[in-house]
């Protein structure tokens, strides 16, 4: 985490998606029990339980990555989405100006 904060403070980046992988070798679990426990804790609207022979994928997410219905494909990401309206456009312009000001300040400080 300190490495990420250092990059932000130096102006190398302004945002980061910090993720951490958890795994265990030779673990003995009941995948369905773990999935049910995960769902009871996270209450995520989009969950996955996939079994392929003796391998399992368990997932809980607040966003729909992708969905296919017939020939229609939809994606419903959370990050970067905004209503399309005159107010939304004005908000984008305001945010862009603020981001440019921040970038200019970072460049001047270097």
Foldseek 3Di string as FASTA:
>chain_A
DVVVVVCCVLVVDVDDDDDDDDDDPPDDDDQVVVLVVVCVPPVAPDWDWDDDPPDIDTDGDNFAQWDDDPPDIDGGDDPPDDDDDPVVVVVVVVVVVVVVVVSVVSVVVD
